[in-house]
Amino acid sequence: MQADLLPFIDWSHHPRQIIAPEDRIITAGDPTDMLFLLEEGEALALNAAPRGQHHPADPGGAGDIAYAGGALLSLLEMLSLDAYRADVLAREECRVIGINRQDIKAMWDHDNRLAWPLSCSIAATITQRRQTRFLM
């Protein structure tokens, strides 16, 4: 479960939202002010994978990324960009938890002030390398 990557978040205190099949969870261009945990269901990020790289659970197009329950949706984009680049659609009914970016930063900073900037820096490096490979 990817949510284990963020053990400092008490997910039980955040409201859940039910997303109908084929509805958008994230719309390309939305600000990255929220992180979304896909608690239950399956979702698909359309055309999100760099060219030539296929996600192991890729049921859609070659550039689509599939998410299953427990996944943090578009985490690298949330950490490194001002806006999401790809739509994320519910493939089936999904239960999603949204957490404000500033709340995550405050929780991350609670134990170590370097955790947030270091994580954002690493995410930005990965995102930039993926984009560079995509343009080649």
Protein backbone atom coordinates (compact mmCIF):
# COMPACT_ATOMS: atom_id res chain seq x y z
CA MET A 1 0.00 0.00 0.00
CA GLN A 2 1.57 3.28 -1.11
CA ALA A 3 -0.17 5.11 1.74
CA ASP A 4 2.42 3.46 3.99
CA LEU A 5 4.89 5.91 2.48
CA LEU A 6 3.15 8.63 4.51
CA PRO A 7 2.72 7.04 7.95
CA PHE A 8 2.48 10.42 9.65
CA ILE A 9 -0.98 11.05 8.18
CA ASP A 10 -3.94 9.81 10.17
CA TRP A 11 -6.14 8.98 7.18
CA SER A 12 -9.15 8.19 9.39
CA HIS A 13 -9.73 11.88 10.20
CA HIS A 14 -10.11 13.01 6.59
CA PRO A 15 -13.42 12.99 4.69
CA ARG A 16 -14.00 10.48 1.95
CA GLN A 17 -15.52 11.21 -1.43
CA ILE A 18 -17.21 8.66 -3.66
CA ILE A 19 -16.34 9.09 -7.34
CA ALA A 20 -18.59 7.46 -9.94
CA PRO A 21 -17.12 5.32 -12.74
CA GLU A 22 -15.67 7.41 -15.60
CA ASP A 23 -15.75 10.63 -13.51
CA ARG A 24 -12.57 12.63 -13.03
CA ILE A 25 -10.72 12.50 -9.75
CA ILE A 26 -8.05 14.90 -11.03
CA THR A 27 -8.35 17.14 -14.08
CA ALA A 28 -5.22 18.15 -15.99
CA GLY A 29 -4.51 21.75 -15.10
CA ASP A 30 -5.96 21.52 -11.58
CA PRO A 31 -3.66 23.10 -8.98
CA THR A 32 -1.59 20.62 -7.00
CA ASP A 33 -2.93 21.91 -3.71
CA MET A 34 -4.44 18.52 -2.79
CA LEU A 35 -3.01 15.03 -2.52
CA PHE A 36 -5.43 12.20 -3.22
CA LEU A 37 -5.35 8.72 -1.73
CA LEU A 38 -7.34 6.15 -3.68
CA GLU A 39 -8.69 4.23 -0.72
CA GLU A 40 -10.82 1.82 -2.76
CA GLY A 41 -11.40 1.22 -6.46
CA GLU A 42 -9.36 1.57 -9.62
CA ALA A 43 -8.35 4.73 -11.45
CA LEU A 44 -6.47 5.54 -14.62
CA ALA A 45 -4.15 8.49 -15.32
CA LEU A 46 -4.49 9.15 -19.03
CA ASN A 47 -1.28 9.66 -21.04
CA ALA A 48 0.73 10.15 -17.84
CA ALA A 49 3.61 7.73 -18.44
CA PRO A 50 6.67 8.93 -20.36
CA ARG A 51 6.91 7.60 -23.90
CA GLY A 52 8.40 4.13 -24.07
CA GLN A 53 7.72 3.39 -20.41
CA HIS A 54 4.76 1.18 -19.63
CA HIS A 55 3.21 0.83 -16.22
CA PRO A 56 3.12 -2.82 -15.13
CA ALA A 57 -0.64 -2.76 -14.61
CA ASP A 58 -1.30 -0.83 -17.82
CA PRO A 59 -4.79 -1.86 -18.99
CA GLY A 60 -5.32 1.26 -21.09
CA GLY A 61 -3.18 2.97 -23.68
CA ALA A 62 0.60 2.80 -23.74
CA GLY A 63 0.92 6.06 -21.84
CA ASP A 64 -1.76 5.40 -19.22
CA ILE A 65 -0.97 4.60 -15.58
CA ALA A 66 -3.34 2.37 -13.61
CA TYR A 67 -3.90 2.89 -9.89
CA ALA A 68 -5.44 0.44 -7.41
CA GLY A 69 -6.72 0.92 -3.86
CA GLY A 70 -4.04 2.31 -1.57
CA ALA A 71 -2.32 4.38 -4.26
CA LEU A 72 -1.36 8.02 -3.90
CA LEU A 73 -2.54 9.62 -7.13
CA SER A 74 0.05 11.63 -9.08
CA LEU A 75 2.27 12.07 -6.02
CA LEU A 76 5.32 13.29 -7.97
CA GLU A 77 3.24 15.95 -9.72
CA MET A 78 1.79 17.13 -6.41
CA LEU A 79 5.26 17.48 -4.91
CA SER A 80 6.98 19.10 -7.89
CA LEU A 81 4.49 21.02 -10.04
CA ASP A 82 1.97 23.84 -9.66
CA ALA A 83 -0.68 21.99 -11.70
CA TYR A 84 -1.46 18.37 -12.48
CA ARG A 85 -0.48 17.33 -16.01
CA ALA A 86 -2.79 14.37 -16.56
CA ASP A 87 -6.45 13.55 -16.01
CA VAL A 88 -7.10 10.75 -13.51
CA LEU A 89 -10.41 8.97 -14.11
CA ALA A 90 -12.27 6.48 -11.93
CA ARG A 91 -12.46 3.14 -13.78
CA GLU A 92 -15.01 1.91 -11.28
CA GLU A 93 -16.62 3.48 -8.23
CA CYS A 94 -13.79 4.87 -6.11
CA ARG A 95 -13.48 6.08 -2.55
CA VAL A 96 -10.95 8.91 -2.40
CA ILE A 97 -9.43 10.91 0.44
CA GLY A 98 -8.15 14.41 -0.34
CA ILE A 99 -5.64 16.16 1.90
CA ASN A 100 -4.56 19.76 1.55
CA ARG A 101 -0.93 20.20 0.46
CA GLN A 102 -0.23 22.63 3.32
CA ASP A 103 -1.50 20.09 5.87
CA ILE A 104 0.84 17.47 4.43
CA LYS A 105 3.75 19.91 4.52
CA ALA A 106 3.01 20.78 8.17
CA MET A 107 2.85 17.09 9.14
CA TRP A 108 6.04 16.34 7.19
CA ASP A 109 7.85 19.29 8.82
CA HIS A 110 6.75 18.20 12.29
CA ASP A 111 9.54 15.64 12.67
CA ASN A 112 12.15 17.02 10.31
CA ARG A 113 12.26 20.42 8.60
CA LEU A 114 14.30 18.99 5.72
CA ALA A 115 11.83 16.24 4.79
CA TRP A 116 9.47 18.44 2.76
CA PRO A 117 12.05 20.39 0.70
CA LEU A 118 14.10 17.25 0.11
CA SER A 119 11.03 15.31 -1.06
CA CYS A 120 9.97 18.15 -3.36
CA SER A 121 13.49 18.38 -4.77
CA ILE A 122 13.69 14.64 -5.47
CA ALA A 123 10.23 14.68 -7.07
CA ALA A 124 11.22 17.66 -9.25
CA THR A 125 14.37 15.87 -10.41
CA ILE A 126 12.41 12.73 -11.33
CA THR A 127 9.72 14.77 -13.08
CA GLN A 128 12.30 16.75 -15.04
CA ARG A 129 14.18 13.59 -16.11
CA ARG A 130 10.95 11.97 -17.24
CA GLN A 131 10.02 15.05 -19.24
CA THR A 132 13.48 15.21 -20.83
CA ARG A 133 13.24 11.55 -21.87
CA PHE A 134 9.76 12.20 -23.23
CA LEU A 135 11.02 15.02 -25.47
CA MET A 136 13.82 12.88 -26.97
